[in-house]
C-alpha atoms as a PDB file:
ATOM      1  CA  MET A   1       4.814  -8.905   3.462  1.00  0.00           C
ATOM      2  CA  LEU A   2       8.144  -7.886   4.992  1.00  0.00           C
ATOM      3  CA  GLY A   3       6.404  -5.298   7.155  1.00  0.00           C
ATOM      4  CA  ALA A   4       4.062  -7.996   8.443  1.00  0.00           C
ATOM      5  CA  ILE A   5       6.961 -10.346   9.255  1.00  0.00           C
ATOM      6  CA  THR A   6       8.864  -7.549  10.987  1.00  0.00           C
ATOM      7  CA  ALA A   7       5.794  -6.681  13.081  1.00  0.00           C
ATOM      8  CA  TYR A   8       5.358 -10.363  13.944  1.00  0.00           C
ATOM      9  CA  GLY A   9       8.998 -10.568  15.036  1.00  0.00           C
ATOM     10  CA  LEU A  10       8.670  -7.448  17.210  1.00  0.00           C
ATOM     11  CA  PHE A  11       5.567  -8.922  18.839  1.00  0.00           C
ATOM     12  CA  LYS A  12       6.925 -12.436  19.358  1.00  0.00           C
ATOM     13  CA  PHE A  13      10.514 -11.772  20.402  1.00  0.00           C
ATOM     14  CA  LEU A  14      10.466  -8.221  21.822  1.00  0.00           C
ATOM     15  CA  HIS A  15       6.866  -8.305  23.135  1.00  0.00           C
ATOM     16  CA  PHE A  16       5.804  -5.105  21.379  1.00  0.00           C
ATOM     17  CA  PRO A  17       2.096  -4.205  21.617  1.00  0.00           C
ATOM     18  CA  PRO A  18       0.717  -5.197  18.161  1.00  0.00           C
ATOM     19  CA  LEU A  19      -0.688  -1.770  17.314  1.00  0.00           C
ATOM     20  CA  LEU A  20       2.625  -0.091  18.183  1.00  0.00           C
ATOM     21  CA  THR A  21       4.823  -2.234  15.921  1.00  0.00           C
ATOM     22  CA  ALA A  22       4.148   0.299  13.136  1.00  0.00           C
ATOM     23  CA  VAL A  23       6.149   2.874  15.138  1.00  0.00           C
ATOM     24  CA  VAL A  24       9.268   0.789  14.424  1.00  0.00           C
ATOM     25  CA  VAL A  25       8.228  -0.582  11.033  1.00  0.00           C
ATOM     26  CA  PHE A  26       7.631   2.817   9.390  1.00  0.00           C
ATOM     27  CA  PRO A  27      11.084   4.418   9.939  1.00  0.00           C
ATOM     28  CA  LEU A  28      12.893   1.109   9.329  1.00  0.00           C
ATOM     29  CA  PHE A  29      11.293   0.613   5.921  1.00  0.00           C
ATOM     30  CA  LEU A  30      11.598   4.301   5.123  1.00  0.00           C
ATOM     31  CA  LEU A  31      15.359   3.746   5.279  1.00  0.00           C
ATOM     32  CA  ILE A  32      15.101   0.486   3.317  1.00  0.00           C
ATOM     33  CA  GLY A  33      13.123   2.314   0.621  1.00  0.00           C
ATOM     34  CA  PHE A  34      15.805   5.015   0.431  1.00  0.00           C
ATOM     35  CA  LEU A  35      18.534   2.388  -0.029  1.00  0.00           C
ATOM     36  CA  PHE A  36      16.525   0.367  -2.561  1.00  0.00           C
ATOM     37  CA  GLU A  37      15.971   3.403  -4.756  1.00  0.00           C
ATOM     38  CA  ARG A  38      19.579   4.550  -4.399  1.00  0.00           C
ATOM     39  CA  TRP A  39      21.210   1.193  -5.150  1.00  0.00           C
ATOM     40  CA  LEU A  40      18.788  -0.584  -7.509  1.00  0.00           C
ATOM     41  CA  LEU A  41      16.713   2.022  -9.347  1.00  0.00           C
ATOM     42  CA  ARG A  42      18.883   5.099  -9.703  1.00  0.00           C
ATOM     43  CA  PRO A  43      21.724   3.278 -11.519  1.00  0.00           C
ATOM     44  CA  ILE A  44      19.319   2.238 -14.328  1.00  0.00           C
ATOM     45  CA  LYS A  45      20.406   3.823 -17.606  1.00  0.00           C
ATOM     46  CA  ALA A  46      17.614   4.508 -20.076  1.00  0.00           C
ATOM     47  CA  ASP A  47      17.216   6.722 -23.135  1.00  0.00           C
ATOM     48  CA  SER A  48      13.664   7.741 -22.298  1.00  0.00           C
ATOM     49  CA  GLN A  49      11.269   7.890 -19.377  1.00  0.00           C
ATOM     50  CA  HIS A  50       9.244   5.054 -20.914  1.00  0.00           C
ATOM     51  CA  GLU A  51      12.294   2.778 -21.031  1.00  0.00           C
ATOM     52  CA  PHE A  52      13.159   3.696 -17.442  1.00  0.00           C
ATOM     53  CA  LEU A  53       9.611   2.832 -16.342  1.00  0.00           C
ATOM     54  CA  ILE A  54       9.773  -0.613 -17.994  1.00  0.00           C
ATOM     55  CA  ALA A  55      13.231  -1.292 -16.548  1.00  0.00           C
ATOM     56  CA  SER A  56      12.194  -0.204 -13.043  1.00  0.00           C
ATOM     57  CA  ILE A  57       9.138  -2.482 -13.180  1.00  0.00           C
ATOM     58  CA  LEU A  58      11.365  -5.421 -14.125  1.00  0.00           C
ATOM     59  CA  VAL A  59      13.819  -4.606 -11.313  1.00  0.00           C
ATOM     60  CA  THR A  60      11.134  -4.248  -8.641  1.00  0.00           C
ATOM     61  CA  LEU A  61       9.272  -7.362  -9.831  1.00  0.00           C
ATOM     62  CA  GLY A  62      12.519  -9.350  -9.817  1.00  0.00           C
ATOM     63  CA  ALA A  63      13.306  -8.087  -6.317  1.00  0.00           C
ATOM     64  CA  SER A  64       9.796  -9.027  -5.178  1.00  0.00           C
ATOM     65  CA  LEU A  65      10.113 -12.595  -6.460  1.00  0.00           C
ATOM     66  CA  THR A  66      13.591 -12.938  -4.945  1.00  0.00           C
ATOM     67  CA  ILE A  67      12.424 -11.670  -1.544  1.00  0.00           C
ATOM     68  CA  GLU A  68       9.447 -14.042  -1.688  1.00  0.00           C
ATOM     69  CA  ASP A  69      11.638 -17.095  -2.406  1.00  0.00           C
ATOM     70  CA  VAL A  70      14.201 -16.187   0.249  1.00  0.00           C
ATOM     71  CA  THR A  71      11.459 -15.621   2.821  1.00  0.00           C
ATOM     72  CA  PHE A  72       9.884 -18.996   1.991  1.00  0.00           C
ATOM     73  CA  PHE A  73      13.277 -20.589   2.613  1.00  0.00           C
ATOM     74  CA  LEU A  74      13.979 -18.782   5.898  1.00  0.00           C
ATOM     75  CA  LEU A  75      10.512 -18.739   7.431  1.00  0.00           C
ATOM     76  CA  GLU A  76      10.014 -21.649   9.788  1.00  0.00           C
ATOM     77  CA  GLN A  77       6.238 -21.847   9.275  1.00  0.00           C
ATOM     78  CA  ALA A  78       3.947 -21.591   6.267  1.00  0.00           C
ATOM     79  CA  SER A  79       1.992 -18.611   7.624  1.00  0.00           C
ATOM     80  CA  ILE A  80       2.158 -16.194  10.531  1.00  0.00           C
ATOM     81  CA  SER A  81      -0.331 -14.017  12.382  1.00  0.00           C
ATOM     82  CA  ILE A  82      -0.449 -11.975  15.561  1.00  0.00           C
ATOM     83  CA  PRO A  83      -3.070 -13.358  17.978  1.00  0.00           C
ATOM     84  CA  PHE A  84      -4.600 -10.133  19.234  1.00  0.00           C
ATOM     85  CA  SER A  85      -8.188  -9.074  19.801  1.00  0.00           C
ATOM     86  CA  LEU A  86     -10.233  -6.482  21.648  1.00  0.00           C
ATOM     87  CA  PRO A  87     -13.833  -6.575  22.914  1.00  0.00           C
ATOM     88  CA  SER A  88     -16.270  -6.003  20.059  1.00  0.00           C
ATOM     89  CA  LEU A  89     -18.736  -3.141  19.977  1.00  0.00           C
ATOM     90  CA  LYS A  90     -22.445  -3.947  19.832  1.00  0.00           C
ATOM     91  CA  TRP A  91     -25.063  -1.595  18.443  1.00  0.00           C
ATOM     92  CA  ARG A  92     -28.681  -2.613  17.819  1.00  0.00           C
ATOM     93  CA  GLY A  93     -27.750  -6.232  17.323  1.00  0.00           C
ATOM     94  CA  ILE A  94     -24.800  -5.405  15.054  1.00  0.00           C
ATOM     95  CA  VAL A  95     -21.394  -6.622  16.223  1.00  0.00           C
ATOM     96  CA  ILE A  96     -18.488  -4.412  15.137  1.00  0.00           C
ATOM     97  CA  PRO A  97     -14.926  -5.730  15.735  1.00  0.00           C
ATOM     98  CA  SER A  98     -13.232  -2.878  17.582  1.00  0.00           C
ATOM     99  CA  ILE A  99      -9.747  -3.858  16.380  1.00  0.00           C
ATOM    100  CA  ARG A 100     -10.846  -3.397  12.754  1.00  0.00           C
ATOM    101  CA  LEU A 101     -12.442  -0.062  13.656  1.00  0.00           C
ATOM    102  CA  ILE A 102      -9.205   1.131  15.281  1.00  0.00           C
ATOM    103  CA  ILE A 103      -7.113   0.070  12.283  1.00  0.00           C
ATOM    104  CA  LEU A 104      -9.552   1.802   9.937  1.00  0.00           C
ATOM    105  CA  GLY A 105      -9.186   4.983  11.999  1.00  0.00           C
ATOM    106  CA  ILE A 106      -5.385   4.746  11.804  1.00  0.00           C
ATOM    107  CA  ILE A 107      -5.573   4.260   8.025  1.00  0.00           C
ATOM    108  CA  VAL A 108      -7.803   7.319   7.648  1.00  0.00           C
ATOM    109  CA  CYS A 109      -5.387   9.402   9.764  1.00  0.00           C
ATOM    110  CA  LEU A 110      -2.376   8.229   7.709  1.00  0.00           C
ATOM    111  CA  THR A 111      -4.207   9.044   4.485  1.00  0.00           C
ATOM    112  CA  LEU A 112      -5.012  12.557   5.708  1.00  0.00           C
ATOM    113  CA  LEU A 113      -1.406  13.091   6.837  1.00  0.00           C
ATOM    114  CA  VAL A 114      -0.043  12.045   3.443  1.00  0.00           C
ATOM    115  CA  HIS A 115      -2.683  14.191   1.718  1.00  0.00           C
ATOM    116  CA  PHE A 116      -1.677  17.330   3.638  1.00  0.00           C
ATOM    117  CA  TYR A 117       2.005  16.478   3.202  1.00  0.00           C
ATOM    118  CA  LEU A 118       1.583  16.346  -0.579  1.00  0.00           C
ATOM    119  CA  LYS A 119      -0.530  19.500  -0.642  1.00  0.00           C
ATOM    120  CA  HIS A 120       1.347  21.818   1.700  1.00  0.00           C
ATOM    121  CA  SER A 121       4.999  20.749   2.118  1.00  0.00           C
ATOM    122  CA  PHE A 122       7.714  21.705  -0.362  1.00  0.00           C
ATOM    123  CA  THR A 123       8.716  18.066  -0.863  1.00  0.00           C
ATOM    124  CA  GLY A 124       5.099  17.057  -1.419  1.00  0.00           C
ATOM    125  CA  LYS A 125       4.613  19.811  -3.993  1.00  0.00           C
ATOM    126  CA  ALA A 126       7.844  18.720  -5.680  1.00  0.00           C
ATOM    127  CA  MET A 127       6.541  15.133  -5.883  1.00  0.00           C
ATOM    128  CA  ARG A 128       3.361  16.334  -7.559  1.00  0.00           C
ATOM    129  CA  ALA A 129       5.335  18.601  -9.892  1.00  0.00           C
ATOM    130  CA  ILE A 130       7.547  15.728 -11.065  1.00  0.00           C
ATOM    131  CA  THR A 131       4.477  13.558 -11.636  1.00  0.00           C
ATOM    132  CA  GLN A 132       2.763  16.251 -13.709  1.00  0.00           C
ATOM    133  CA  ASN A 133       5.769  17.572 -15.643  1.00  0.00           C
ATOM    134  CA  ARG A 134       9.218  16.114 -14.997  1.00  0.00           C
ATOM    135  CA  GLU A 135      11.072  18.507 -17.317  1.00  0.00           C
ATOM    136  CA  GLY A 136       9.265  21.534 -15.898  1.00  0.00           C
ATOM    137  CA  ALA A 137      10.142  20.501 -12.335  1.00  0.00           C
ATOM    138  CA  LEU A 138      13.783  20.127 -13.364  1.00  0.00           C
ATOM    139  CA  VAL A 139      13.797  23.601 -14.949  1.00  0.00           C
ATOM    140  CA  VAL A 140      12.551  25.294 -11.752  1.00  0.00           C
ATOM    141  CA  GLY A 141      15.260  23.619  -9.651  1.00  0.00           C
ATOM    142  CA  VAL A 142      13.640  20.528  -8.169  1.00  0.00           C
ATOM    143  CA  ASN A 143      16.231  17.907  -7.219  1.00  0.00           C
ATOM    144  CA  ILE A 144      14.609  14.967  -8.981  1.00  0.00           C
ATOM    145  CA  SER A 145      17.009  12.320  -7.635  1.00  0.00           C
ATOM    146  CA  ARG A 146      16.424  13.335  -4.025  1.00  0.00           C
ATOM    147  CA  ILE A 147      12.651  13.615  -4.446  1.00  0.00           C
ATOM    148  CA  ALA A 148      12.534  10.214  -6.150  1.00  0.00           C
ATOM    149  CA  MET A 149      14.388   8.665  -3.216  1.00  0.00           C
ATOM    150  CA  VAL A 150      12.054  10.288  -0.682  1.00  0.00           C
ATOM    151  CA  THR A 151       8.979   9.214  -2.670  1.00  0.00           C
ATOM    152  CA  PHE A 152      10.121   5.605  -2.920  1.00  0.00           C
ATOM    153  CA  GLY A 153      11.023   5.589   0.768  1.00  0.00           C
ATOM    154  CA  ILE A 154       7.614   6.902   1.860  1.00  0.00           C
ATOM    155  CA  GLY A 155       5.833   4.433  -0.417  1.00  0.00           C
ATOM    156  CA  THR A 156       7.854   1.540   0.983  1.00  0.00           C
ATOM    157  CA  ALA A 157       7.245   2.659   4.566  1.00  0.00           C
ATOM    158  CA  LEU A 158       3.487   2.987   4.027  1.00  0.00           C
ATOM    159  CA  ALA A 159       3.292  -0.467   2.399  1.00  0.00           C
ATOM    160  CA  ALA A 160       5.235  -1.999   5.299  1.00  0.00           C
ATOM    161  CA  THR A 161       3.004  -0.226   7.818  1.00  0.00           C
ATOM    162  CA  ALA A 162      -0.033  -1.673   6.053  1.00  0.00           C
ATOM    163  CA  GLY A 163       1.582  -5.096   6.459  1.00  0.00           C
ATOM    164  CA  ALA A 164       2.052  -4.475  10.188  1.00  0.00           C
ATOM    165  CA  PHE A 165      -1.703  -3.972  10.544  1.00  0.00           C
ATOM    166  CA  TYR A 166      -2.599  -6.696   8.053  1.00  0.00           C
ATOM    167  CA  VAL A 167      -0.868  -9.411  10.110  1.00  0.00           C
ATOM    168  CA  ILE A 168      -3.099  -8.541  13.090  1.00  0.00           C
ATOM    169  CA  LEU A 169      -6.229  -9.320  11.067  1.00  0.00           C
ATOM    170  CA  PHE A 170      -5.145 -12.082   8.687  1.00  0.00           C
ATOM    171  CA  ALA A 171      -2.618 -14.871   8.286  1.00  0.00           C
ATOM    172  CA  VAL A 172       0.372 -13.797   6.210  1.00  0.00           C
ATOM    173  CA  THR A 173       2.431 -15.971   3.858  1.00  0.00           C
ATOM    174  CA  PRO A 174       5.487 -14.983   1.808  1.00  0.00           C
ATOM    175  CA  SER A 175       3.361 -15.134  -1.360  1.00  0.00           C
ATOM    176  CA  ILE A 176       0.769 -12.472  -0.442  1.00  0.00           C
ATOM    177  CA  GLY A 177       2.638  -9.685  -2.244  1.00  0.00           C
ATOM    178  CA  ILE A 178       1.493 -10.128  -5.852  1.00  0.00           C
ATOM    179  CA  PRO A 179      -2.234 -10.787  -5.071  1.00  0.00           C
ATOM    180  CA  LEU A 180      -2.325  -7.720  -2.797  1.00  0.00           C
ATOM    181  CA  THR A 181      -0.574  -5.669  -5.472  1.00  0.00           C
ATOM    182  CA  VAL A 182      -3.321  -6.519  -7.978  1.00  0.00           C
ATOM    183  CA  ARG A 183      -5.955  -5.576  -5.398  1.00  0.00           C
ATOM    184  CA  TYR A 184      -4.480  -2.208  -4.466  1.00  0.00           C
ATOM    185  CA  LEU A 185      -3.931  -1.315  -8.124  1.00  0.00           C
ATOM    186  CA  SER A 186      -7.655  -1.944  -8.580  1.00  0.00           C
ATOM    187  CA  ILE A 187      -8.358   0.360  -5.630  1.00  0.00           C
ATOM    188  CA  VAL A 188      -6.152   3.137  -7.022  1.00  0.00           C
ATOM    189  CA  VAL A 189      -7.800   2.969 -10.458  1.00  0.00           C
ATOM    190  CA  LEU A 190     -11.251   2.741  -8.873  1.00  0.00           C
ATOM    191  CA  GLY A 191     -10.673   5.826  -6.718  1.00  0.00           C
ATOM    192  CA  GLY A 192      -8.935   7.822  -9.434  1.00  0.00           C
ATOM    193  CA  LEU A 193      -5.240   8.173 -10.238  1.00  0.00           C
ATOM    194  CA  GLY A 194      -3.587  10.880  -8.160  1.00  0.00           C
ATOM    195  CA  SER A 195      -6.390  11.106  -5.593  1.00  0.00           C
ATOM    196  CA  LEU A 196      -5.587   9.876  -2.077  1.00  0.00           C
ATOM    197  CA  MET A 197      -9.151  10.477  -0.940  1.00  0.00           C
ATOM    198  CA  GLY A 198     -10.298   8.504  -3.975  1.00  0.00           C
ATOM    199  CA  SER A 199      -8.064   5.599  -2.991  1.00  0.00           C
ATOM    200  CA  LEU A 200      -9.483   5.667   0.534  1.00  0.00           C
ATOM    201  CA  LEU A 201     -13.032   5.713  -0.810  1.00  0.00           C
ATOM    202  CA  GLY A 202     -12.206   3.041  -3.378  1.00  0.00           C
ATOM    203  CA  GLY A 203     -10.733   0.793  -0.688  1.00  0.00           C
ATOM    204  CA  ILE A 204     -13.846   1.095   1.472  1.00  0.00           C
ATOM    205  CA  ILE A 205     -16.162   0.427  -1.481  1.00  0.00           C
ATOM    206  CA  LEU A 206     -14.103  -2.551  -2.651  1.00  0.00           C
ATOM    207  CA  GLY A 207     -13.959  -3.967   0.878  1.00  0.00           C
ATOM    208  CA  LEU A 208     -17.727  -3.659   1.324  1.00  0.00           C
ATOM    209  CA  THR A 209     -18.312  -5.233  -2.091  1.00  0.00           C
ATOM    210  CA  GLU A 210     -16.089  -8.190  -1.246  1.00  0.00           C
ATOM    211  CA  ALA A 211     -17.709  -8.659   2.176  1.00  0.00           C
ATOM    212  CA  ILE A 212     -21.256  -8.555   0.783  1.00  0.00           C
ATOM    213  CA  THR A 213     -20.334 -10.897  -2.072  1.00  0.00           C
ATOM    214  CA  SER A 214     -18.689 -13.348   0.297  1.00  0.00           C
ATOM    215  CA  PHE A 215     -21.691 -13.341   2.643  1.00  0.00           C
ATOM    216  CA  TYR A 216     -24.490 -13.644   0.078  1.00  0.00           C
ATOM    217  CA  VAL A 217     -22.848 -15.409  -2.895  1.00  0.00           C
ATOM    218  CA  GLY A 218     -19.705 -17.173  -1.690  1.00  0.00           C
ATOM    219  CA  GLY A 219     -16.041 -16.496  -1.010  1.00  0.00           C
ATOM    220  CA  HIS A 220     -14.911 -17.911  -4.368  1.00  0.00           C
ATOM    221  CA  TRP A 221     -16.753 -15.043  -6.132  1.00  0.00           C
ATOM    222  CA  VAL A 222     -14.860 -12.312  -4.255  1.00  0.00           C
ATOM    223  CA  PRO A 223     -12.047 -11.768  -6.833  1.00  0.00           C
ATOM    224  CA  ALA A 224     -14.590 -11.709  -9.671  1.00  0.00           C
ATOM    225  CA  SER A 225     -16.773  -9.150  -7.880  1.00  0.00           C
ATOM    226  CA  SER A 226     -13.781  -6.865  -7.338  1.00  0.00           C
ATOM    227  CA  PHE A 227     -12.856  -6.832 -11.017  1.00  0.00           C
ATOM    228  CA  PHE A 228     -16.500  -6.531 -12.092  1.00  0.00           C
ATOM    229  CA  LEU A 229     -16.822  -3.399  -9.932  1.00  0.00           C
ATOM    230  CA  LEU A 230     -13.592  -2.013 -11.383  1.00  0.00           C
ATOM    231  CA  ILE A 231     -14.745  -2.610 -14.977  1.00  0.00           C
ATOM    232  CA  LEU A 232     -18.149  -1.074 -14.217  1.00  0.00           C
ATOM    233  CA  VAL A 233     -16.591   2.111 -12.816  1.00  0.00           C
ATOM    234  CA  LEU A 234     -14.172   2.391 -15.750  1.00  0.00           C
ATOM    235  CA  LEU A 235     -17.056   2.074 -18.211  1.00  0.00           C
ATOM    236  CA  ILE A 236     -19.163   4.719 -16.447  1.00  0.00           C
ATOM    237  CA  ARG A 237     -16.387   7.019 -15.193  1.00  0.00           C
ATOM    238  CA  PRO A 238     -12.991   6.186 -16.770  1.00  0.00           C
ATOM    239  CA  GLN A 239     -11.072   8.681 -14.615  1.00  0.00           C
ATOM    240  CA  GLY A 240     -12.213   6.927 -11.426  1.00  0.00           C
ATOM    241  CA  LEU A 241     -14.561   8.067  -8.682  1.00  0.00           C
ATOM    242  CA  LEU A 242     -12.615  11.172  -7.611  1.00  0.00           C
ATOM    243  CA  GLY A 243     -10.213  11.490 -10.520  1.00  0.00           C
ATOM    244  CA  TYR A 244     -10.129  14.332 -13.032  1.00  0.00           C
ATOM    245  CA  LYS A 245     -10.146  14.244 -16.789  1.00  0.00           C
ATOM    246  CA  SER A 246      -6.800  15.210 -18.256  1.00  0.00           C
END
């Protein structure tokens, strides 16, 4: 949500090209993610990793609700969007919005970049090591505090970048955060925990399911269809589409 509002501000007041607002949004929210982790999450004192997880969820949820209320108060209008379009592509009677195709291409490229970063860089390998075995990563010399800060920063920057593209396609309100969170958690579980390619595939499948449901059944059935698909996949393949059994 904040990434979308920042992109809208860059477009409206500084006349940035809509698709280039992400160039500013990503590094800005990378820094914000660093500071959030350093000031709000790292000071949490917990006796176990489970307690730390619960406490961090409460802190981030509280911050989310606070940001939402403050944004409602400061925002001059109920919703915002960037009025931007490109000529659509036509193929055998099918009309394909080119702006959505471009954004999809950018998302695929970002996913591949993050995938190779996690697979081949030292920091990426350290992130995966901490996820798989925190104590083992600590024993071999991984600086867990620094890696945690980098991880949170990258996650924040990617979420804000998604918001910068989202505001081009849809109207954004301060309250979109929680509903989108539920949706992307469904996508992650659908694709398989720990699999970026699975998340990409899960997002495409979920998007197609919602579009088909909206067209043939009705828009009010879209949330139900998403959760029905999620439950179906979990019943057939609990580890997700591209996940692995532990």
